[in-house]
Amino acid sequence: EYLFIDVPEGSYTLRASGYPPVTANV
């Protein structure tokens, strides 16, 4: 769960992202 408080009235865009890719040599 996430929470934004005291948000003014209007239209918004939500963007969710996980961790960025990680590169490793094996």
mmCIF file of all heavy atoms, coordinates in Angstrom:
data_MODEL
# 
_entry.id   MODEL 
# 
loop_
_atom_site.group_PDB 
_atom_site.id 
_atom_site.type_symbol 
_atom_site.label_atom_id 
_atom_site.label_alt_id 
_atom_site.label_comp_id 
_atom_site.label_asym_id 
_atom_site.label_entity_id 
_atom_site.label_seq_id 
_atom_site.pdbx_PDB_ins_code 
_atom_site.Cartn_x 
_atom_site.Cartn_y 
_atom_site.Cartn_z 
_atom_site.occupancy 
_atom_site.B_iso_or_equiv 
_atom_site.pdbx_formal_charge 
_atom_site.auth_seq_id 
_atom_site.auth_comp_id 
_atom_site.auth_asym_id 
_atom_site.auth_atom_id 
_atom_site.pdbx_PDB_model_num 
ATOM 1   N N   . GLU A 1 1  ? 0.836   -1.210  0.000   1.00 0.00 ? 1  GLU A N   1 
ATOM 2   C CA  . GLU A 1 1  ? 0.000   0.000   0.000   1.00 0.00 ? 1  GLU A CA  1 
ATOM 3   C C   . GLU A 1 1  ? 0.866   1.254   0.000   1.00 0.00 ? 1  GLU A C   1 
ATOM 4   O O   . GLU A 1 1  ? 1.940   1.292   0.590   1.00 0.00 ? 1  GLU A O   1 
ATOM 5   C CB  . GLU A 1 1  ? -0.921  0.000   1.222   1.00 0.00 ? 1  GLU A CB  1 
ATOM 6   C CG  . GLU A 1 1  ? -1.929  -1.157  1.220   1.00 0.00 ? 1  GLU A CG  1 
ATOM 7   C CD  . GLU A 1 1  ? -2.813  -1.135  2.449   1.00 0.00 ? 1  GLU A CD  1 
ATOM 8   O OE1 . GLU A 1 1  ? -2.527  -0.301  3.362   1.00 0.00 ? 1  GLU A OE1 1 
ATOM 9   O OE2 . GLU A 1 1  ? -3.781  -1.913  2.518   1.00 0.00 ? 1  GLU A OE2 1 
ATOM 10  N N   . TYR A 1 2  ? 0.341   2.303   -0.647  1.00 0.00 ? 2  TYR A N   1 
ATOM 11  C CA  . TYR A 1 2  ? 1.007   3.612   -0.691  1.00 0.00 ? 2  TYR A CA  1 
ATOM 12  C C   . TYR A 1 2  ? 0.000   4.679   -0.282  1.00 0.00 ? 2  TYR A C   1 
ATOM 13  O O   . TYR A 1 2  ? -1.227  4.455   -0.315  1.00 0.00 ? 2  TYR A O   1 
ATOM 14  C CB  . TYR A 1 2  ? 1.562   3.901   -2.087  1.00 0.00 ? 2  TYR A CB  1 
ATOM 15  C CG  . TYR A 1 2  ? 0.495   4.053   -3.143  1.00 0.00 ? 2  TYR A CG  1 
ATOM 16  C CD1 . TYR A 1 2  ? -0.061  5.303   -3.415  1.00 0.00 ? 2  TYR A CD1 1 
ATOM 17  C CD2 . TYR A 1 2  ? 0.040   2.947   -3.867  1.00 0.00 ? 2  TYR A CD2 1 
ATOM 18  C CE1 . TYR A 1 2  ? -1.048  5.445   -4.376  1.00 0.00 ? 2  TYR A CE1 1 
ATOM 19  C CE2 . TYR A 1 2  ? -0.946  3.085   -4.823  1.00 0.00 ? 2  TYR A CE2 1 
ATOM 20  C CZ  . TYR A 1 2  ? -1.484  4.341   -5.070  1.00 0.00 ? 2  TYR A CZ  1 
ATOM 21  O OH  . TYR A 1 2  ? -2.472  4.481   -6.010  1.00 0.00 ? 2  TYR A OH  1 
ATOM 22  N N   . LEU A 1 3  ? 0.479   5.896   0.040   1.00 0.00 ? 3  LEU A N   1 
ATOM 23  C CA  . LEU A 1 3  ? -0.390  6.981   0.516   1.00 0.00 ? 3  LEU A CA  1 
ATOM 24  C C   . LEU A 1 3  ? 0.226   8.326   0.167   1.00 0.00 ? 3  LEU A C   1 
ATOM 25  O O   . LEU A 1 3  ? 1.399   8.578   0.422   1.00 0.00 ? 3  LEU A O   1 
ATOM 26  C CB  . LEU A 1 3  ? -0.599  6.895   2.035   1.00 0.00 ? 3  LEU A CB  1 
ATOM 27  C CG  . LEU A 1 3  ? -1.385  8.045   2.686   1.00 0.00 ? 3  LEU A CG  1 
ATOM 28  C CD1 . LEU A 1 3  ? -2.823  8.046   2.182   1.00 0.00 ? 3  LEU A CD1 1 
ATOM 29  C CD2 . LEU A 1 3  ? -1.325  7.938   4.202   1.00 0.00 ? 3  LEU A CD2 1 
ATOM 30  N N   . PHE A 1 4  ? -0.617  9.207   -0.444  1.00 0.00 ? 4  PHE A N   1 
ATOM 31  C CA  . PHE A 1 4  ? -0.277  10.610  -0.678  1.00 0.00 ? 4  PHE A CA  1 
ATOM 32  C C   . PHE A 1 4  ? -1.286  11.463  0.093   1.00 0.00 ? 4  PHE A C   1 
ATOM 33  O O   . PHE A 1 4  ? -2.508  11.307  -0.107  1.00 0.00 ? 4  PHE A O   1 
ATOM 34  C CB  . PHE A 1 4  ? -0.340  10.957  -2.170  1.00 0.00 ? 4  PHE A CB  1 
ATOM 35  C CG  . PHE A 1 4  ? 0.715   10.285  -2.999  1.00 0.00 ? 4  PHE A CG  1 
ATOM 36  C CD1 . PHE A 1 4  ? 0.412   9.127   -3.710  1.00 0.00 ? 4  PHE A CD1 1 
ATOM 37  C CD2 . PHE A 1 4  ? 1.995   10.809  -3.078  1.00 0.00 ? 4  PHE A CD2 1 
ATOM 38  C CE1 . PHE A 1 4  ? 1.384   8.511   -4.479  1.00 0.00 ? 4  PHE A CE1 1 
ATOM 39  C CE2 . PHE A 1 4  ? 2.969   10.195  -3.855  1.00 0.00 ? 4  PHE A CE2 1 
ATOM 40  C CZ  . PHE A 1 4  ? 2.676   9.033   -4.549  1.00 0.00 ? 4  PHE A CZ  1 
ATOM 41  N N   . ILE A 1 5  ? -0.793  12.380  0.963   1.00 0.00 ? 5  ILE A N   1 
ATOM 42  C CA  . ILE A 1 5  ? -1.693  13.226  1.757   1.00 0.00 ? 5  ILE A CA  1 
ATOM 43  C C   . ILE A 1 5  ? -1.614  14.664  1.256   1.00 0.00 ? 5  ILE A C   1 
ATOM 44  O O   . ILE A 1 5  ? -0.640  15.076  0.615   1.00 0.00 ? 5  ILE A O   1 
ATOM 45  C CB  . ILE A 1 5  ? -1.341  13.159  3.260   1.00 0.00 ? 5  ILE A CB  1 
ATOM 46  C CG1 . ILE A 1 5  ? 0.074   13.662  3.506   1.00 0.00 ? 5  ILE A CG1 1 
ATOM 47  C CG2 . ILE A 1 5  ? -1.503  11.739  3.795   1.00 0.00 ? 5  ILE A CG2 1 
ATOM 48  C CD1 . ILE A 1 5  ? 0.458   13.750  4.959   1.00 0.00 ? 5  ILE A CD1 1 
ATOM 49  N N   . ASP A 1 6  ? -2.670  15.432  1.596   1.00 0.00 ? 6  ASP A N   1 
ATOM 50  C CA  . ASP A 1 6  ? -2.759  16.848  1.225   1.00 0.00 ? 6  ASP A CA  1 
ATOM 51  C C   . ASP A 1 6  ? -2.553  17.048  -0.277  1.00 0.00 ? 6  ASP A C   1 
ATOM 52  O O   . ASP A 1 6  ? -1.740  17.869  -0.733  1.00 0.00 ? 6  ASP A O   1 
ATOM 53  C CB  . ASP A 1 6  ? -1.743  17.690  2.012   1.00 0.00 ? 6  ASP A CB  1 
ATOM 54  C CG  . ASP A 1 6  ? -2.047  17.707  3.504   1.00 0.00 ? 6  ASP A CG  1 
ATOM 55  O OD1 . ASP A 1 6  ? -3.228  17.514  3.868   1.00 0.00 ? 6  ASP A OD1 1 
ATOM 56  O OD2 . ASP A 1 6  ? -1.106  17.895  4.295   1.00 0.00 ? 6  ASP A OD2 1 
ATOM 57  N N   . VAL A 1 7  ? -3.304  16.302  -1.031  1.00 0.00 ? 7  VAL A N   1 
ATOM 58  C CA  . VAL A 1 7  ? -3.203  16.404  -2.484  1.00 0.00 ? 7  VAL A CA  1 
ATOM 59  C C   . VAL A 1 7  ? -4.190  17.454  -2.971  1.00 0.00 ? 7  VAL A C   1 
ATOM 60  O O   . VAL A 1 7  ? -5.391  17.348  -2.702  1.00 0.00 ? 7  VAL A O   1 
ATOM 61  C CB  . VAL A 1 7  ? -3.493  15.047  -3.141  1.00 0.00 ? 7  VAL A CB  1 
ATOM 62  C CG1 . VAL A 1 7  ? -3.406  15.169  -4.660  1.00 0.00 ? 7  VAL A CG1 1 
ATOM 63  C CG2 . VAL A 1 7  ? -2.535  13.988  -2.627  1.00 0.00 ? 7  VAL A CG2 1 
ATOM 64  N N   . PRO A 1 8  ? -3.734  18.490  -3.653  1.00 0.00 ? 8  PRO A N   1 
ATOM 65  C CA  . PRO A 1 8  ? -4.670  19.480  -4.188  1.00 0.00 ? 8  PRO A CA  1 
ATOM 66  C C   . PRO A 1 8  ? -5.608  18.857  -5.219  1.00 0.00 ? 8  PRO A C   1 
ATOM 67  O O   . PRO A 1 8  ? -5.301  17.841  -5.853  1.00 0.00 ? 8  PRO A O   1 
ATOM 68  C CB  . PRO A 1 8  ? -3.752  20.529  -4.834  1.00 0.00 ? 8  PRO A CB  1 
ATOM 69  C CG  . PRO A 1 8  ? -2.409  20.319  -4.207  1.00 0.00 ? 8  PRO A CG  1 
ATOM 70  C CD  . PRO A 1 8  ? -2.329  18.855  -3.921  1.00 0.00 ? 8  PRO A CD  1 
ATOM 71  N N   . GLU A 1 9  ? -6.734  19.507  -5.397  1.00 0.00 ? 9  GLU A N   1 
ATOM 72  C CA  . GLU A 1 9  ? -7.716  18.999  -6.354  1.00 0.00 ? 9  GLU A CA  1 
ATOM 73  C C   . GLU A 1 9  ? -7.171  19.135  -7.768  1.00 0.00 ? 9  GLU A C   1 
ATOM 74  O O   . GLU A 1 9  ? -6.567  20.133  -8.126  1.00 0.00 ? 9  GLU A O   1 
ATOM 75  C CB  . GLU A 1 9  ? -9.017  19.790  -6.190  1.00 0.00 ? 9  GLU A CB  1 
ATOM 76  C CG  . GLU A 1 9  ? -10.142 19.299  -7.086  1.00 0.00 ? 9  GLU A CG  1 
ATOM 77  C CD  . GLU A 1 9  ? -11.423 20.069  -6.854  1.00 0.00 ? 9  GLU A CD  1 
ATOM 78  O OE1 . GLU A 1 9  ? -11.445 20.926  -5.935  1.00 0.00 ? 9  GLU A OE1 1 
ATOM 79  O OE2 . GLU A 1 9  ? -12.389 19.841  -7.590  1.00 0.00 ? 9  GLU A OE2 1 
ATOM 80  N N   . GLY A 1 10 ? -7.383  18.109  -8.568  1.00 0.00 ? 10 GLY A N   1 
ATOM 81  C CA  . GLY A 1 10 ? -6.911  18.148  -9.947  1.00 0.00 ? 10 GLY A CA  1 
ATOM 82  C C   . GLY A 1 10 ? -6.737  16.751  -10.520 1.00 0.00 ? 10 GLY A C   1 
ATOM 83  O O   . GLY A 1 10 ? -7.113  15.748  -9.892  1.00 0.00 ? 10 GLY A O   1 
ATOM 84  N N   . SER A 1 11 ? -6.177  16.678  -11.721 1.00 0.00 ? 11 SER A N   1 
ATOM 85  C CA  . SER A 1 11 ? -5.923  15.407  -12.418 1.00 0.00 ? 11 SER A CA  1 
ATOM 86  C C   . SER A 1 11 ? -4.442  15.071  -12.319 1.00 0.00 ? 11 SER A C   1 
ATOM 87  O O   . SER A 1 11 ? -3.575  15.943  -12.466 1.00 0.00 ? 11 SER A O   1 
ATOM 88  C CB  . SER A 1 11 ? -6.339  15.513  -13.885 1.00 0.00 ? 11 SER A CB  1 
ATOM 89  O OG  . SER A 1 11 ? -7.710  15.810  -14.007 1.00 0.00 ? 11 SER A OG  1 
ATOM 90  N N   . TYR A 1 12 ? -4.158  13.790  -12.091 1.00 0.00 ? 12 TYR A N   1 
ATOM 91  C CA  . TYR A 1 12 ? -2.782  13.358  -11.855 1.00 0.00 ? 12 TYR A CA  1 
ATOM 92  C C   . TYR A 1 12 ? -2.501  12.060  -12.609 1.00 0.00 ? 12 TYR A C   1 
ATOM 93  O O   . TYR A 1 12 ? -3.419  11.364  -13.083 1.00 0.00 ? 12 TYR A O   1 
ATOM 94  C CB  . TYR A 1 12 ? -2.553  13.149  -10.354 1.00 0.00 ? 12 TYR A CB  1 
ATOM 95  C CG  . TYR A 1 12 ? -2.736  14.401  -9.525  1.00 0.00 ? 12 TYR A CG  1 
ATOM 96  C CD1 . TYR A 1 12 ? -3.981  14.715  -8.977  1.00 0.00 ? 12 TYR A CD1 1 
ATOM 97  C CD2 . TYR A 1 12 ? -1.686  15.272  -9.322  1.00 0.00 ? 12 TYR A CD2 1 
ATOM 98  C CE1 . TYR A 1 12 ? -4.166  15.855  -8.231  1.00 0.00 ? 12 TYR A CE1 1 
ATOM 99  C CE2 . TYR A 1 12 ? -1.851  16.418  -8.570  1.00 0.00 ? 12 TYR A CE2 1 
ATOM 100 C CZ  . TYR A 1 12 ? -3.098  16.714  -8.021  1.00 0.00 ? 12 TYR A CZ  1 
ATOM 101 O OH  . TYR A 1 12 ? -3.277  17.836  -7.296  1.00 0.00 ? 12 TYR A OH  1 
ATOM 102 N N   . THR A 1 13 ? -1.206  11.712  -12.700 1.00 0.00 ? 13 THR A N   1 
ATOM 103 C CA  . THR A 1 13 ? -0.740  10.461  -13.293 1.00 0.00 ? 13 THR A CA  1 
ATOM 104 C C   . THR A 1 13 ? 0.070   9.704   -12.258 1.00 0.00 ? 13 THR A C   1 
ATOM 105 O O   . THR A 1 13 ? 0.963   10.292  -11.615 1.00 0.00 ? 13 THR A O   1 
ATOM 106 C CB  . THR A 1 13 ? 0.131   10.730  -14.525 1.00 0.00 ? 13 THR A CB  1 
ATOM 107 O OG1 . THR A 1 13 ? -0.623  11.447  -15.498 1.00 0.00 ? 13 THR A OG1 1 
ATOM 108 C CG2 . THR A 1 13 ? 0.637   9.428   -15.115 1.00 0.00 ? 13 THR A CG2 1 
ATOM 109 N N   . LEU A 1 14 ? -0.247  8.422   -12.091 1.00 0.00 ? 14 LEU A N   1 
ATOM 110 C CA  . LEU A 1 14 ? 0.485   7.579   -11.161 1.00 0.00 ? 14 LEU A CA  1 
ATOM 111 C C   . LEU A 1 14 ? 1.447   6.678   -11.961 1.00 0.00 ? 14 LEU A C   1 
ATOM 112 O O   . LEU A 1 14 ? 1.052   6.071   -12.967 1.00 0.00 ? 14 LEU A O   1 
ATOM 113 C CB  . LEU A 1 14 ? -0.468  6.700   -10.345 1.00 0.00 ? 14 LEU A CB  1 
ATOM 114 C CG  . LEU A 1 14 ? -1.201  7.382   -9.174  1.00 0.00 ? 14 LEU A CG  1 
ATOM 115 C CD1 . LEU A 1 14 ? -2.231  6.437   -8.582  1.00 0.00 ? 14 LEU A CD1 1 
ATOM 116 C CD2 . LEU A 1 14 ? -0.213  7.819   -8.119  1.00 0.00 ? 14 LEU A CD2 1 
ATOM 117 N N   . ARG A 1 15 ? 2.683   6.592   -11.512 1.00 0.00 ? 15 ARG A N   1 
ATOM 118 C CA  . ARG A 1 15 ? 3.678   5.736   -12.162 1.00 0.00 ? 15 ARG A CA  1 
ATOM 119 C C   . ARG A 1 15 ? 4.302   4.839   -11.088 1.00 0.00 ? 15 ARG A C   1 
ATOM 120 O O   . ARG A 1 15 ? 4.899   5.353   -10.134 1.00 0.00 ? 15 ARG A O   1 
ATOM 121 C CB  . ARG A 1 15 ? 4.751   6.576   -12.836 1.00 0.00 ? 15 ARG A CB  1 
ATOM 122 C CG  . ARG A 1 15 ? 5.845   5.740   -13.494 1.00 0.00 ? 15 ARG A CG  1 
ATOM 123 C CD  . ARG A 1 15 ? 6.951   6.642   -14.019 1.00 0.00 ? 15 ARG A CD  1 
ATOM 124 N NE  . ARG A 1 15 ? 6.424   7.532   -15.054 1.00 0.00 ? 15 ARG A NE  1 
ATOM 125 C CZ  . ARG A 1 15 ? 7.085   8.585   -15.523 1.00 0.00 ? 15 ARG A CZ  1 
ATOM 126 N NH1 . ARG A 1 15 ? 8.288   8.879   -15.005 1.00 0.00 ? 15 ARG A NH1 1 
ATOM 127 N NH2 . ARG A 1 15 ? 6.578   9.339   -16.476 1.00 0.00 ? 15 ARG A NH2 1 
ATOM 128 N N   . ALA A 1 16 ? 4.164   3.523   -11.289 1.00 0.00 ? 16 ALA A N   1 
ATOM 129 C CA  . ALA A 1 16 ? 4.735   2.559   -10.358 1.00 0.00 ? 16 ALA A CA  1 
ATOM 130 C C   . ALA A 1 16 ? 5.880   1.827   -11.028 1.00 0.00 ? 16 ALA A C   1 
ATOM 131 O O   . ALA A 1 16 ? 5.800   1.442   -12.197 1.00 0.00 ? 16 ALA A O   1 
ATOM 132 C CB  . ALA A 1 16 ? 3.674   1.569   -9.892  1.00 0.00 ? 16 ALA A CB  1 
ATOM 133 N N   . SER A 1 17 ? 6.945   1.616   -10.300 1.00 0.00 ? 17 SER A N   1 
ATOM 134 C CA  . SER A 1 17 ? 8.117   0.937   -10.860 1.00 0.00 ? 17 SER A CA  1 
ATOM 135 C C   . SER A 1 17 ? 8.764   0.077   -9.772  1.00 0.00 ? 17 SER A C   1 
ATOM 136 O O   . SER A 1 17 ? 8.758   0.443   -8.594  1.00 0.00 ? 17 SER A O   1 
ATOM 137 C CB  . SER A 1 17 ? 9.129   1.948   -11.407 1.00 0.00 ? 17 SER A CB  1 
ATOM 138 O OG  . SER A 1 17 ? 9.589   2.810   -10.384 1.00 0.00 ? 17 SER A OG  1 
ATOM 139 N N   . GLY A 1 18 ? 9.320   -1.042  -10.267 1.00 0.00 ? 18 GLY A N   1 
ATOM 140 C CA  . GLY A 1 18 ? 10.076  -1.887  -9.364  1.00 0.00 ? 18 GLY A CA  1 
ATOM 141 C C   . GLY A 1 18 ? 11.537  -1.506  -9.397  1.00 0.00 ? 18 GLY A C   1 
ATOM 142 O O   . GLY A 1 18 ? 11.913  -0.396  -9.801  1.00 0.00 ? 18 GLY A O   1 
ATOM 143 N N   . TYR A 1 19 ? 12.379  -2.454  -9.025  1.00 0.00 ? 19 TYR A N   1 
ATOM 144 C CA  . TYR A 1 19 ? 13.801  -2.147  -9.020  1.00 0.00 ? 19 TYR A CA  1 
ATOM 145 C C   . TYR A 1 19 ? 14.334  -2.111  -10.444 1.00 0.00 ? 19 TYR A C   1 
ATOM 146 O O   . TYR A 1 19 ? 13.907  -2.882  -11.310 1.00 0.00 ? 19 TYR A O   1 
ATOM 147 C CB  . TYR A 1 19 ? 14.551  -3.198  -8.208  1.00 0.00 ? 19 TYR A CB  1 
ATOM 148 C CG  . TYR A 1 19 ? 14.103  -3.257  -6.756  1.00 0.00 ? 19 TYR A CG  1 
ATOM 149 C CD1 . TYR A 1 19 ? 13.496  -4.405  -6.256  1.00 0.00 ? 19 TYR A CD1 1 
ATOM 150 C CD2 . TYR A 1 19 ? 14.300  -2.179  -5.903  1.00 0.00 ? 19 TYR A CD2 1 
ATOM 151 C CE1 . TYR A 1 19 ? 13.096  -4.477  -4.940  1.00 0.00 ? 19 TYR A CE1 1 
ATOM 152 C CE2 . TYR A 1 19 ? 13.893  -2.251  -4.591  1.00 0.00 ? 19 TYR A CE2 1 
ATOM 153 C CZ  . TYR A 1 19 ? 13.290  -3.387  -4.102  1.00 0.00 ? 19 TYR A CZ  1 
ATOM 154 O OH  . TYR A 1 19 ? 12.888  -3.447  -2.804  1.00 0.00 ? 19 TYR A OH  1 
ATOM 155 N N   . PRO A 1 20 ? 15.260  -1.291  -10.711 1.00 0.00 ? 20 PRO A N   1 
ATOM 156 C CA  . PRO A 1 20 ? 15.866  -1.290  -12.059 1.00 0.00 ? 20 PRO A CA  1 
ATOM 157 C C   . PRO A 1 20 ? 16.707  -2.556  -12.269 1.00 0.00 ? 20 PRO A C   1 
ATOM 158 O O   . PRO A 1 20 ? 17.102  -3.229  -11.318 1.00 0.00 ? 20 PRO A O   1 
ATOM 159 C CB  . PRO A 1 20 ? 16.739  -0.035  -12.038 1.00 0.00 ? 20 PRO A CB  1 
ATOM 160 C CG  . PRO A 1 20 ? 17.033  0.210   -10.592 1.00 0.00 ? 20 PRO A CG  1 
ATOM 161 C CD  . PRO A 1 20 ? 15.836  -0.259  -9.834  1.00 0.00 ? 20 PRO A CD  1 
ATOM 162 N N   . PRO A 1 21 ? 16.976  -2.911  -13.550 1.00 0.00 ? 21 PRO A N   1 
ATOM 163 C CA  . PRO A 1 21 ? 17.747  -4.131  -13.824 1.00 0.00 ? 21 PRO A CA  1 
ATOM 164 C C   . PRO A 1 21 ? 19.146  -4.069  -13.240 1.00 0.00 ? 21 PRO A C   1 
ATOM 165 O O   . PRO A 1 21 ? 19.739  -3.004  -13.112 1.00 0.00 ? 21 PRO A O   1 
ATOM 166 C CB  . PRO A 1 21 ? 17.792  -4.203  -15.333 1.00 0.00 ? 21 PRO A CB  1 
ATOM 167 C CG  . PRO A 1 21 ? 16.796  -3.217  -15.823 1.00 0.00 ? 21 PRO A CG  1 
ATOM 168 C CD  . PRO A 1 21 ? 16.569  -2.226  -14.746 1.00 0.00 ? 21 PRO A CD  1 
ATOM 169 N N   . VAL A 1 22 ? 19.628  -5.237  -12.866 1.00 0.00 ? 22 VAL A N   1 
ATOM 170 C CA  . VAL A 1 22 ? 20.971  -5.355  -12.312 1.00 0.00 ? 22 VAL A CA  1 
ATOM 171 C C   . VAL A 1 22 ? 21.765  -6.313  -13.188 1.00 0.00 ? 22 VAL A C   1 
ATOM 172 O O   . VAL A 1 22 ? 21.277  -7.391  -13.564 1.00 0.00 ? 22 VAL A O   1 
ATOM 173 C CB  . VAL A 1 22 ? 20.928  -5.855  -10.862 1.00 0.00 ? 22 VAL A CB  1 
ATOM 174 C CG1 . VAL A 1 22 ? 22.353  -6.108  -10.342 1.00 0.00 ? 22 VAL A CG1 1 
ATOM 175 C CG2 . VAL A 1 22 ? 20.201  -4.858  -9.972  1.00 0.00 ? 22 VAL A CG2 1 
ATOM 176 N N   . THR A 1 23 ? 22.990  -5.987  -13.553 1.00 0.00 ? 23 THR A N   1 
ATOM 177 C CA  . THR A 1 23 ? 23.833  -6.813  -14.411 1.00 0.00 ? 23 THR A CA  1 
ATOM 178 C C   . THR A 1 23 ? 24.988  -7.387  -13.595 1.00 0.00 ? 23 THR A C   1 
ATOM 179 O O   . THR A 1 23 ? 25.627  -6.646  -12.823 1.00 0.00 ? 23 THR A O   1 
ATOM 180 C CB  . THR A 1 23 ? 24.390  -6.002  -15.580 1.00 0.00 ? 23 THR A CB  1 
ATOM 181 O OG1 . THR A 1 23 ? 23.303  -5.429  -16.316 1.00 0.00 ? 23 THR A OG1 1 
ATOM 182 C CG2 . THR A 1 23 ? 25.234  -6.870  -16.478 1.00 0.00 ? 23 THR A CG2 1 
ATOM 183 N N   . ALA A 1 24 ? 25.258  -8.690  -13.773 1.00 0.00 ? 24 ALA A N   1 
ATOM 184 C CA  . ALA A 1 24 ? 26.374  -9.334  -13.079 1.00 0.00 ? 24 ALA A CA  1 
ATOM 185 C C   . ALA A 1 24 ? 27.023  -10.353 -14.010 1.00 0.00 ? 24 ALA A C   1 
ATOM 186 O O   . ALA A 1 24 ? 26.337  -11.065 -14.762 1.00 0.00 ? 24 ALA A O   1 
ATOM 187 C CB  . ALA A 1 24 ? 25.882  -10.006 -11.814 1.00 0.00 ? 24 ALA A CB  1 
ATOM 188 N N   . ASN A 1 25 ? 28.337  -10.481 -14.037 1.00 0.00 ? 25 ASN A N   1 
ATOM 189 C CA  . ASN A 1 25 ? 29.078  -11.454 -14.839 1.00 0.00 ? 25 ASN A CA  1 
ATOM 190 C C   . ASN A 1 25 ? 29.366  -12.689 -13.990 1.00 0.00 ? 25 ASN A C   1 
ATOM 191 O O   . ASN A 1 25 ? 29.907  -12.596 -12.888 1.00 0.00 ? 25 ASN A O   1 
ATOM 192 C CB  . ASN A 1 25 ? 30.387  -10.855 -15.336 1.00 0.00 ? 25 ASN A CB  1 
ATOM 193 C CG  . ASN A 1 25 ? 30.162  -9.666  -16.273 1.00 0.00 ? 25 ASN A CG  1 
ATOM 194 O OD1 . ASN A 1 25 ? 29.230  -9.684  -17.069 1.00 0.00 ? 25 ASN A OD1 1 
ATOM 195 N ND2 . ASN A 1 25 ? 31.020  -8.662  -16.180 1.00 0.00 ? 25 ASN A ND2 1 
ATOM 196 N N   . VAL A 1 26 ? 29.032  -13.878 -14.534 1.00 0.00 ? 26 VAL A N   1 
ATOM 197 C CA  . VAL A 1 26 ? 29.202  -15.138 -13.807 1.00 0.00 ? 26 VAL A CA  1 
ATOM 198 C C   . VAL A 1 26 ? 29.889  -16.148 -14.725 1.00 0.00 ? 26 VAL A C   1 
ATOM 199 O O   . VAL A 1 26 ? 29.515  -16.310 -15.890 1.00 0.00 ? 26 VAL A O   1 
ATOM 200 C CB  . VAL A 1 26 ? 27.841  -15.694 -13.327 1.00 0.00 ? 26 VAL A CB  1 
ATOM 201 C CG1 . VAL A 1 26 ? 28.048  -17.002 -12.580 1.00 0.00 ? 26 VAL A CG1 1 
ATOM 202 C CG2 . VAL A 1 26 ? 27.120  -14.669 -12.475 1.00 0.00 ? 26 VAL A CG2 1 
# 
